[in-house]
Amino acid sequence: MSEEHGVPSFHIDQVHHPEQDLIVGVLDDQARLPGVVRMRQWARDALAVLPGDTALDLGSGTGSEVVELARLVGERGRAVGVDPNPAMLSLAQERAGEVKTEFVEGSAYALPLPDASVDAVRCERVYQHLDDPAKATAEIARVLRPGGRVVLIDSDWATAVYHPGDPEIIGKLTQRMASTSPNRNSGRQLRGLLAGAGFVVDDIGSEAVIWEPDMVLPMYTMITERGVAEGIITEAQRDALIADIDRGVAAGDYHFSVTMFAVVAHKP
């Protein structure tokens, strides 16, 4: 994985982020967005986890989806969350409470599971942070049993829509952010990665996730401050962009969205 943290708002679900409390708060906020709720439900239905299955959530974060998997696999199954961040794993285990779950420290490039030991894998918003997504996909193929299912979910930041604001200023800032992300447009690559690893693609879904202003305003502040510090935009351009956004939010004339894509496949 990349160790480049970039702008926190664009990589807020990135592992090993130095602002742990900020990550947790934003992940919780994002999990409540209607678009994320719909995408996760679609992915659960498509993955078709059964009682007694072993199900893995790669990049399990706060553990909320591992708890959902645990409810599907039941007492005879296993619901496992893998994440490289020990602090996040501890939080996830605490939140899971008495629900039967397992949280294990590990990398997407070396999953701590035996060959052909898993029935279903989900992986959400991890690939955008990977330097070698093909290697991670090969690891998923390794741990899945023949007939095992996988759903990959990721954002494609080239689909981001910003309104209001001067397109020239926004363009300069987004170009800078693109240079800090190892796999910013991962959403469009998921199908090809799975096909390249020998999977059979079964279905594809998408959701334009609309973010609320209270989630995005701190992002704009951080991005524009970084832009000024690095000489990408001037202080006057920063002030103009923030003023445009403030006026838009006050008038209800505001929009920020990014499209998430999901691909469901199975191992022959």
C-alpha atoms as a PDB file:
ATOM      1  CA  MET A   1       0.000   0.000   0.000  1.00  0.00           C
ATOM      2  CA  SER A   2       1.026   3.567  -0.364  1.00  0.00           C
ATOM      3  CA  GLU A   3       2.276   5.423   2.671  1.00  0.00           C
ATOM      4  CA  GLU A   4       1.351   8.752   1.072  1.00  0.00           C
ATOM      5  CA  HIS A   5      -1.457  10.291   3.078  1.00  0.00           C
ATOM      6  CA  GLY A   6      -2.192  13.138   0.696  1.00  0.00           C
ATOM      7  CA  VAL A   7      -5.198  15.277   1.551  1.00  0.00           C
ATOM      8  CA  PRO A   8      -7.047  13.640   4.460  1.00  0.00           C
ATOM      9  CA  SER A   9     -10.505  14.273   3.039  1.00  0.00           C
ATOM     10  CA  PHE A  10      -9.789  12.413  -0.172  1.00  0.00           C
ATOM     11  CA  HIS A  11      -8.101   9.521   1.601  1.00  0.00           C
ATOM     12  CA  ILE A  12     -10.101   9.486   4.791  1.00  0.00           C
ATOM     13  CA  ASP A  13     -10.632   5.740   4.666  1.00  0.00           C
ATOM     14  CA  GLN A  14      -6.918   5.167   4.144  1.00  0.00           C
ATOM     15  CA  VAL A  15      -5.126   2.897   6.579  1.00  0.00           C
ATOM     16  CA  HIS A  16      -2.353   4.134   8.893  1.00  0.00           C
ATOM     17  CA  HIS A  17      -3.725   7.670   8.790  1.00  0.00           C
ATOM     18  CA  PRO A  18      -2.223   9.786  11.598  1.00  0.00           C
ATOM     19  CA  GLU A  19      -5.587  11.304  12.567  1.00  0.00           C
ATOM     20  CA  GLN A  20      -7.346   8.196  13.853  1.00  0.00           C
ATOM     21  CA  ASP A  21     -10.261   9.959  15.546  1.00  0.00           C
ATOM     22  CA  LEU A  22     -10.909  11.995  12.405  1.00  0.00           C
ATOM     23  CA  ILE A  23     -10.958   8.827  10.306  1.00  0.00           C
ATOM     24  CA  VAL A  24     -13.479   7.129  12.561  1.00  0.00           C
ATOM     25  CA  GLY A  25     -15.788  10.137  12.646  1.00  0.00           C
ATOM     26  CA  VAL A  26     -15.786  10.597   8.889  1.00  0.00           C
ATOM     27  CA  LEU A  27     -16.193   6.869   8.201  1.00  0.00           C
ATOM     28  CA  ASP A  28     -19.213   6.852  10.503  1.00  0.00           C
ATOM     29  CA  ASP A  29     -20.640   9.901   8.714  1.00  0.00           C
ATOM     30  CA  GLN A  30     -20.054   8.341   5.294  1.00  0.00           C
ATOM     31  CA  ALA A  31     -21.667   5.075   6.372  1.00  0.00           C
ATOM     32  CA  ARG A  32     -24.897   6.994   6.990  1.00  0.00           C
ATOM     33  CA  LEU A  33     -25.012   8.601   3.546  1.00  0.00           C
ATOM     34  CA  PRO A  34     -27.995   7.211   1.606  1.00  0.00           C
ATOM     35  CA  GLY A  35     -25.822   6.375  -1.401  1.00  0.00           C
ATOM     36  CA  VAL A  36     -23.393   4.347   0.697  1.00  0.00           C
ATOM     37  CA  VAL A  37     -26.262   2.581   2.469  1.00  0.00           C
ATOM     38  CA  ARG A  38     -27.807   1.629  -0.884  1.00  0.00           C
ATOM     39  CA  MET A  39     -24.504   0.463  -2.349  1.00  0.00           C
ATOM     40  CA  ARG A  40     -23.704  -1.697   0.666  1.00  0.00           C
ATOM     41  CA  GLN A  41     -27.138  -3.309   0.623  1.00  0.00           C
ATOM     42  CA  TRP A  42     -26.845  -4.012  -3.110  1.00  0.00           C
ATOM     43  CA  ALA A  43     -23.422  -5.574  -2.543  1.00  0.00           C
ATOM     44  CA  ARG A  44     -24.703  -7.765   0.309  1.00  0.00           C
ATOM     45  CA  ASP A  45     -27.566  -9.024  -1.813  1.00  0.00           C
ATOM     46  CA  ALA A  46     -25.293  -9.691  -4.775  1.00  0.00           C
ATOM     47  CA  LEU A  47     -22.651 -11.465  -2.689  1.00  0.00           C
ATOM     48  CA  ALA A  48     -25.327 -13.848  -1.378  1.00  0.00           C
ATOM     49  CA  VAL A  49     -23.545 -14.893   1.807  1.00  0.00           C
ATOM     50  CA  LEU A  50     -25.093 -18.071   3.249  1.00  0.00           C
ATOM     51  CA  PRO A  51     -25.361 -19.548   6.759  1.00  0.00           C
ATOM     52  CA  GLY A  52     -22.190 -21.498   7.528  1.00  0.00           C
ATOM     53  CA  ASP A  53     -20.031 -19.537   5.060  1.00  0.00           C
ATOM     54  CA  THR A  54     -16.639 -18.074   5.851  1.00  0.00           C
ATOM     55  CA  ALA A  55     -16.882 -14.425   4.821  1.00  0.00           C
ATOM     56  CA  LEU A  56     -14.043 -11.898   4.725  1.00  0.00           C
ATOM     57  CA  ASP A  57     -14.159  -8.104   4.750  1.00  0.00           C
ATOM     58  CA  LEU A  58     -10.816  -6.851   3.442  1.00  0.00           C
ATOM     59  CA  GLY A  59     -10.079  -3.388   4.813  1.00  0.00           C
ATOM     60  CA  SER A  60     -12.672  -3.800   7.545  1.00  0.00           C
ATOM     61  CA  GLY A  61     -12.247  -0.357   9.127  1.00  0.00           C
ATOM     62  CA  THR A  62     -14.741   0.235  11.919  1.00  0.00           C
ATOM     63  CA  GLY A  63     -16.062  -3.327  11.528  1.00  0.00           C
ATOM     64  CA  SER A  64     -19.667  -2.475  10.714  1.00  0.00           C
ATOM     65  CA  GLU A  65     -19.785  -4.693   7.627  1.00  0.00           C
ATOM     66  CA  VAL A  66     -18.121  -7.579   9.453  1.00  0.00           C
ATOM     67  CA  VAL A  67     -21.007  -7.455  11.920  1.00  0.00           C
ATOM     68  CA  GLU A  68     -23.432  -7.602   8.981  1.00  0.00           C
ATOM     69  CA  LEU A  69     -21.552 -10.595   7.578  1.00  0.00           C
ATOM     70  CA  ALA A  70     -21.692 -12.296  10.976  1.00  0.00           C
ATOM     71  CA  ARG A  71     -25.474 -12.039  10.972  1.00  0.00           C
ATOM     72  CA  LEU A  72     -25.588 -13.691   7.565  1.00  0.00           C
ATOM     73  CA  VAL A  73     -23.170 -16.567   8.259  1.00  0.00           C
ATOM     74  CA  GLY A  74     -24.729 -17.367  11.633  1.00  0.00           C
ATOM     75  CA  GLU A  75     -23.229 -19.393  14.442  1.00  0.00           C
ATOM     76  CA  ARG A  76     -21.867 -22.080  12.100  1.00  0.00           C
ATOM     77  CA  GLY A  77     -19.982 -19.583   9.944  1.00  0.00           C
ATOM     78  CA  ARG A  78     -17.040 -17.196  10.280  1.00  0.00           C
ATOM     79  CA  ALA A  79     -17.047 -13.439   9.731  1.00  0.00           C
ATOM     80  CA  VAL A  80     -13.488 -12.136   9.476  1.00  0.00           C
ATOM     81  CA  GLY A  81     -12.250  -8.573   9.158  1.00  0.00           C
ATOM     82  CA  VAL A  82      -8.695  -7.908   7.953  1.00  0.00           C
ATOM     83  CA  ASP A  83      -7.093  -4.481   8.333  1.00  0.00           C
ATOM     84  CA  PRO A  84      -3.475  -3.338   8.667  1.00  0.00           C
ATOM     85  CA  ASN A  85      -4.296  -0.768  11.354  1.00  0.00           C
ATOM     86  CA  PRO A  86      -4.156  -2.251  14.908  1.00  0.00           C
ATOM     87  CA  ALA A  87      -5.983   0.715  16.426  1.00  0.00           C
ATOM     88  CA  MET A  88      -8.857   0.326  13.969  1.00  0.00           C
ATOM     89  CA  LEU A  89      -9.010  -3.405  14.639  1.00  0.00           C
ATOM     90  CA  SER A  90      -9.287  -2.756  18.363  1.00  0.00           C
ATOM     91  CA  LEU A  91     -12.116  -0.283  17.808  1.00  0.00           C
ATOM     92  CA  ALA A  92     -13.917  -2.711  15.493  1.00  0.00           C
ATOM     93  CA  GLN A  93     -13.700  -5.540  18.020  1.00  0.00           C
ATOM     94  CA  GLU A  94     -15.021  -3.282  20.753  1.00  0.00           C
ATOM     95  CA  ARG A  95     -17.943  -2.151  18.624  1.00  0.00           C
ATOM     96  CA  ALA A  96     -18.809  -5.705  17.591  1.00  0.00           C
ATOM     97  CA  GLY A  97     -19.472  -6.555  21.227  1.00  0.00           C
ATOM     98  CA  GLU A  98     -20.964 -10.006  21.643  1.00  0.00           C
ATOM     99  CA  VAL A  99     -21.472 -10.588  17.917  1.00  0.00           C
ATOM    100  CA  LYS A 100     -19.334 -13.509  16.755  1.00  0.00           C
ATOM    101  CA  THR A 101     -16.610 -11.841  14.686  1.00  0.00           C
ATOM    102  CA  GLU A 102     -12.865 -12.107  14.111  1.00  0.00           C
ATOM    103  CA  PHE A 103     -10.567  -9.156  13.438  1.00  0.00           C
ATOM    104  CA  VAL A 104      -7.072  -9.891  12.182  1.00  0.00           C
ATOM    105  CA  GLU A 105      -4.156  -7.617  11.333  1.00  0.00           C
ATOM    106  CA  GLY A 106      -2.994  -8.143   7.768  1.00  0.00           C
ATOM    107  CA  SER A 107      -2.174  -6.689   4.368  1.00  0.00           C
ATOM    108  CA  ALA A 108      -4.139  -6.863   1.133  1.00  0.00           C
ATOM    109  CA  TYR A 109      -0.964  -8.256  -0.395  1.00  0.00           C
ATOM    110  CA  ALA A 110      -0.563 -11.108   2.110  1.00  0.00           C
ATOM    111  CA  LEU A 111      -3.907 -12.136   3.575  1.00  0.00           C
ATOM    112  CA  PRO A 112      -3.517 -14.068   6.848  1.00  0.00           C
ATOM    113  CA  LEU A 113      -5.740 -16.917   5.630  1.00  0.00           C
ATOM    114  CA  PRO A 114      -5.024 -20.322   4.050  1.00  0.00           C
ATOM    115  CA  ASP A 115      -5.545 -21.105   0.383  1.00  0.00           C
ATOM    116  CA  ALA A 116      -9.142 -21.886  -0.644  1.00  0.00           C
ATOM    117  CA  SER A 117     -10.535 -21.213   2.835  1.00  0.00           C
ATOM    118  CA  VAL A 118     -13.085 -18.437   2.172  1.00  0.00           C
ATOM    119  CA  ASP A 119     -16.539 -18.495   0.575  1.00  0.00           C
ATOM    120  CA  ALA A 120     -17.143 -14.755   0.130  1.00  0.00           C
ATOM    121  CA  VAL A 121     -14.990 -11.606   0.117  1.00  0.00           C
ATOM    122  CA  ARG A 122     -16.032  -7.976   0.167  1.00  0.00           C
ATOM    123  CA  CYS A 123     -13.590  -5.103  -0.211  1.00  0.00           C
ATOM    124  CA  GLU A 124     -14.767  -1.488  -0.115  1.00  0.00           C
ATOM    125  CA  ARG A 125     -12.746   1.649  -0.888  1.00  0.00           C
ATOM    126  CA  VAL A 126      -9.397  -0.047  -0.449  1.00  0.00           C
ATOM    127  CA  TYR A 127      -8.213  -0.320  -4.046  1.00  0.00           C
ATOM    128  CA  GLN A 128      -7.903   3.455  -4.459  1.00  0.00           C
ATOM    129  CA  HIS A 129      -5.044   3.312  -1.932  1.00  0.00           C
ATOM    130  CA  LEU A 130      -3.164   0.357  -3.441  1.00  0.00           C
ATOM    131  CA  ASP A 131       0.013   0.647  -5.474  1.00  0.00           C
ATOM    132  CA  ASP A 132      -0.408  -2.902  -6.808  1.00  0.00           C
ATOM    133  CA  PRO A 133      -4.131  -3.738  -7.093  1.00  0.00           C
ATOM    134  CA  ALA A 134      -3.424  -6.771  -9.287  1.00  0.00           C
ATOM    135  CA  LYS A 135      -1.420  -8.348  -6.474  1.00  0.00           C
ATOM    136  CA  ALA A 136      -4.273  -7.777  -4.026  1.00  0.00           C
ATOM    137  CA  THR A 137      -6.747  -9.342  -6.475  1.00  0.00           C
ATOM    138  CA  ALA A 138      -4.506 -12.379  -6.822  1.00  0.00           C
ATOM    139  CA  GLU A 139      -4.528 -12.728  -3.027  1.00  0.00           C
ATOM    140  CA  ILE A 140      -8.317 -12.667  -2.999  1.00  0.00           C
ATOM    141  CA  ALA A 141      -8.302 -15.412  -5.641  1.00  0.00           C
ATOM    142  CA  ARG A 142      -5.864 -17.435  -3.548  1.00  0.00           C
ATOM    143  CA  VAL A 143      -7.999 -17.480  -0.391  1.00  0.00           C
ATOM    144  CA  LEU A 144     -11.333 -18.072  -2.166  1.00  0.00           C
ATOM    145  CA  ARG A 145     -12.620 -21.594  -2.669  1.00  0.00           C
ATOM    146  CA  PRO A 146     -13.724 -22.643  -6.169  1.00  0.00           C
ATOM    147  CA  GLY A 147     -17.162 -21.118  -6.598  1.00  0.00           C
ATOM    148  CA  GLY A 148     -16.363 -18.444  -4.011  1.00  0.00           C
ATOM    149  CA  ARG A 149     -17.751 -14.945  -4.561  1.00  0.00           C
ATOM    150  CA  VAL A 150     -16.164 -11.516  -4.337  1.00  0.00           C
ATOM    151  CA  VAL A 151     -17.501  -7.972  -4.493  1.00  0.00           C
ATOM    152  CA  LEU A 152     -15.110  -5.069  -4.986  1.00  0.00           C
ATOM    153  CA  ILE A 153     -16.437  -1.572  -4.288  1.00  0.00           C
ATOM    154  CA  ASP A 154     -14.482   1.568  -4.982  1.00  0.00           C
ATOM    155  CA  SER A 155     -14.728   5.226  -5.860  1.00  0.00           C
ATOM    156  CA  ASP A 156     -13.655   6.747  -9.152  1.00  0.00           C
ATOM    157  CA  TRP A 157     -12.568  10.275  -8.291  1.00  0.00           C
ATOM    158  CA  ALA A 158     -12.585  11.442 -11.896  1.00  0.00           C
ATOM    159  CA  THR A 159     -16.394  11.313 -11.563  1.00  0.00           C
ATOM    160  CA  ALA A 160     -16.423  13.890  -8.744  1.00  0.00           C
ATOM    161  CA  VAL A 161     -18.815  16.791  -9.294  1.00  0.00           C
ATOM    162  CA  TYR A 162     -18.152  20.083  -7.485  1.00  0.00           C
ATOM    163  CA  HIS A 163     -20.657  22.949  -7.381  1.00  0.00           C
ATOM    164  CA  PRO A 164     -20.396  25.884  -6.981  1.00  0.00           C
ATOM    165  CA  GLY A 165     -16.878  27.213  -7.588  1.00  0.00           C
ATOM    166  CA  ASP A 166     -14.590  28.482 -10.335  1.00  0.00           C
ATOM    167  CA  PRO A 167     -13.786  25.457 -12.547  1.00  0.00           C
ATOM    168  CA  GLU A 168     -10.222  26.711 -13.061  1.00  0.00           C
ATOM    169  CA  ILE A 169      -9.494  26.814  -9.333  1.00  0.00           C
ATOM    170  CA  ILE A 170     -11.168  23.466  -8.722  1.00  0.00           C
ATOM    171  CA  GLY A 171      -9.251  21.968 -11.647  1.00  0.00           C
ATOM    172  CA  LYS A 172      -5.901  23.031 -10.204  1.00  0.00           C
ATOM    173  CA  LEU A 173      -6.729  21.530  -6.819  1.00  0.00           C
ATOM    174  CA  THR A 174      -8.060  18.249  -8.182  1.00  0.00           C
ATOM    175  CA  GLN A 175      -5.000  17.857 -10.419  1.00  0.00           C
ATOM    176  CA  ARG A 176      -2.798  18.177  -7.348  1.00  0.00           C
ATOM    177  CA  MET A 177      -4.843  15.621  -5.428  1.00  0.00           C
ATOM    178  CA  ALA A 178      -4.696  13.184  -8.327  1.00  0.00           C
ATOM    179  CA  SER A 179      -0.906  13.252  -8.133  1.00  0.00           C
ATOM    180  CA  THR A 180      -0.938  12.078  -4.486  1.00  0.00           C
ATOM    181  CA  SER A 181      -3.208   9.062  -4.946  1.00  0.00           C
ATOM    182  CA  PRO A 182      -1.765   5.754  -6.155  1.00  0.00           C
ATOM    183  CA  ASN A 183      -5.012   4.561  -7.730  1.00  0.00           C
ATOM    184  CA  ARG A 184      -7.449   7.459  -7.805  1.00  0.00           C
ATOM    185  CA  ASN A 185      -9.639   6.091 -10.598  1.00  0.00           C
ATOM    186  CA  SER A 186      -9.827   2.547  -9.250  1.00  0.00           C
ATOM    187  CA  GLY A 187     -13.590   2.244  -9.684  1.00  0.00           C
ATOM    188  CA  ARG A 188     -13.323   1.813 -13.459  1.00  0.00           C
ATOM    189  CA  GLN A 189     -10.558  -0.781 -13.126  1.00  0.00           C
ATOM    190  CA  LEU A 190     -12.318  -3.320 -10.909  1.00  0.00           C
ATOM    191  CA  ARG A 191     -13.869  -5.388 -13.690  1.00  0.00           C
ATOM    192  CA  GLY A 192     -10.595  -5.725 -15.569  1.00  0.00           C
ATOM    193  CA  LEU A 193      -8.660  -6.622 -12.436  1.00  0.00           C
ATOM    194  CA  LEU A 194     -11.079  -9.419 -11.594  1.00  0.00           C
ATOM    195  CA  ALA A 195     -11.116 -10.733 -15.150  1.00  0.00           C
ATOM    196  CA  GLY A 196      -7.335 -10.632 -15.235  1.00  0.00           C
ATOM    197  CA  ALA A 197      -7.167 -12.726 -12.065  1.00  0.00           C
ATOM    198  CA  GLY A 198      -9.345 -15.430 -13.606  1.00  0.00           C
ATOM    199  CA  PHE A 199     -12.687 -14.479 -12.075  1.00  0.00           C
ATOM    200  CA  VAL A 200     -16.008 -14.644 -13.915  1.00  0.00           C
ATOM    201  CA  VAL A 201     -17.796 -11.293 -13.610  1.00  0.00           C
ATOM    202  CA  ASP A 202     -21.463 -11.718 -12.662  1.00  0.00           C
ATOM    203  CA  ASP A 203     -22.809  -8.207 -12.123  1.00  0.00           C
ATOM    204  CA  ILE A 204     -21.815  -4.545 -11.927  1.00  0.00           C
ATOM    205  CA  GLY A 205     -23.485  -1.748  -9.988  1.00  0.00           C
ATOM    206  CA  SER A 206     -22.888   1.942  -9.346  1.00  0.00           C
ATOM    207  CA  GLU A 207     -24.058   4.724  -7.069  1.00  0.00           C
ATOM    208  CA  ALA A 208     -23.343   8.454  -7.253  1.00  0.00           C
ATOM    209  CA  VAL A 209     -22.829   9.174  -3.561  1.00  0.00           C
ATOM    210  CA  ILE A 210     -23.909  12.702  -2.636  1.00  0.00           C
ATOM    211  CA  TRP A 211     -22.065  14.180   0.341  1.00  0.00           C
ATOM    212  CA  GLU A 212     -23.696  16.584   2.755  1.00  0.00           C
ATOM    213  CA  PRO A 213     -22.220  20.101   3.186  1.00  0.00           C
ATOM    214  CA  ASP A 214     -21.101  19.545   6.790  1.00  0.00           C
ATOM    215  CA  MET A 215     -18.928  16.667   5.550  1.00  0.00           C
ATOM    216  CA  VAL A 216     -17.453  18.515   2.600  1.00  0.00           C
ATOM    217  CA  LEU A 217     -16.763  21.988   4.006  1.00  0.00           C
ATOM    218  CA  PRO A 218     -13.839  20.763   6.167  1.00  0.00           C
ATOM    219  CA  MET A 219     -12.512  18.987   3.076  1.00  0.00           C
ATOM    220  CA  TYR A 220     -12.566  22.176   1.024  1.00  0.00           C
ATOM    221  CA  THR A 221     -10.827  24.057   3.844  1.00  0.00           C
ATOM    222  CA  MET A 222      -7.998  21.518   4.048  1.00  0.00           C
ATOM    223  CA  ILE A 223      -7.615  21.250   0.270  1.00  0.00           C
ATOM    224  CA  THR A 224      -7.513  25.000  -0.299  1.00  0.00           C
ATOM    225  CA  GLU A 225      -5.096  25.616   2.584  1.00  0.00           C
ATOM    226  CA  ARG A 226      -2.788  22.977   1.171  1.00  0.00           C
ATOM    227  CA  GLY A 227      -3.169  24.520  -2.277  1.00  0.00           C
ATOM    228  CA  VAL A 228      -2.076  27.922  -1.009  1.00  0.00           C
ATOM    229  CA  ALA A 229       0.837  26.470   0.968  1.00  0.00           C
ATOM    230  CA  GLU A 230       2.123  24.650  -2.121  1.00  0.00           C
ATOM    231  CA  GLY A 231       1.637  27.611  -4.461  1.00  0.00           C
ATOM    232  CA  ILE A 232      -1.042  25.874  -6.537  1.00  0.00           C
ATOM    233  CA  ILE A 233      -3.597  28.629  -5.943  1.00  0.00           C
ATOM    234  CA  THR A 234      -3.359  32.133  -4.487  1.00  0.00           C
ATOM    235  CA  GLU A 235      -4.882  33.312  -1.237  1.00  0.00           C
ATOM    236  CA  ALA A 236      -7.361  35.368  -3.268  1.00  0.00           C
ATOM    237  CA  GLN A 237      -8.423  32.262  -5.214  1.00  0.00           C
ATOM    238  CA  ARG A 238      -8.831  30.315  -1.987  1.00  0.00           C
ATOM    239  CA  ASP A 239     -10.993  33.047  -0.475  1.00  0.00           C
ATOM    240  CA  ALA A 240     -13.111  33.286  -3.619  1.00  0.00           C
ATOM    241  CA  LEU A 241     -13.725  29.533  -3.731  1.00  0.00           C
ATOM    242  CA  ILE A 242     -14.672  29.315  -0.062  1.00  0.00           C
ATOM    243  CA  ALA A 243     -16.986  32.320  -0.431  1.00  0.00           C
ATOM    244  CA  ASP A 244     -18.689  30.714  -3.452  1.00  0.00           C
ATOM    245  CA  ILE A 245     -19.227  27.497  -1.491  1.00  0.00           C
ATOM    246  CA  ASP A 246     -20.546  29.340   1.568  1.00  0.00           C
ATOM    247  CA  ARG A 247     -23.038  31.264  -0.569  1.00  0.00           C
ATOM    248  CA  GLY A 248     -24.106  28.097  -2.339  1.00  0.00           C
ATOM    249  CA  VAL A 249     -24.687  26.205   0.901  1.00  0.00           C
ATOM    250  CA  ALA A 250     -26.647  29.130   2.376  1.00  0.00           C
ATOM    251  CA  ALA A 251     -28.882  29.264  -0.727  1.00  0.00           C
ATOM    252  CA  GLY A 252     -29.295  25.512  -1.041  1.00  0.00           C
ATOM    253  CA  ASP A 253     -27.424  25.667  -4.361  1.00  0.00           C
ATOM    254  CA  TYR A 254     -24.748  23.124  -3.554  1.00  0.00           C
ATOM    255  CA  HIS A 255     -23.592  19.711  -4.802  1.00  0.00           C
ATOM    256  CA  PHE A 256     -20.681  17.368  -4.241  1.00  0.00           C
ATOM    257  CA  SER A 257     -20.761  13.753  -5.373  1.00  0.00           C
ATOM    258  CA  VAL A 258     -18.464  10.952  -6.431  1.00  0.00           C
ATOM    259  CA  THR A 259     -19.481   7.694  -8.105  1.00  0.00           C
ATOM    260  CA  MET A 260     -18.779   4.352  -6.446  1.00  0.00           C
ATOM    261  CA  PHE A 261     -18.672   1.219  -8.598  1.00  0.00           C
ATOM    262  CA  ALA A 262     -19.144  -2.380  -7.462  1.00  0.00           C
ATOM    263  CA  VAL A 263     -18.277  -5.554  -9.347  1.00  0.00           C
ATOM    264  CA  VAL A 264     -19.445  -9.009  -8.271  1.00  0.00           C
ATOM    265  CA  ALA A 265     -17.610 -12.072  -9.550  1.00  0.00           C
ATOM    266  CA  HIS A 266     -16.952 -15.715  -8.722  1.00  0.00           C
ATOM    267  CA  LYS A 267     -13.936 -18.000  -8.867  1.00  0.00           C
ATOM    268  CA  PRO A 268     -14.461 -20.856 -11.364  1.00  0.00           C
END
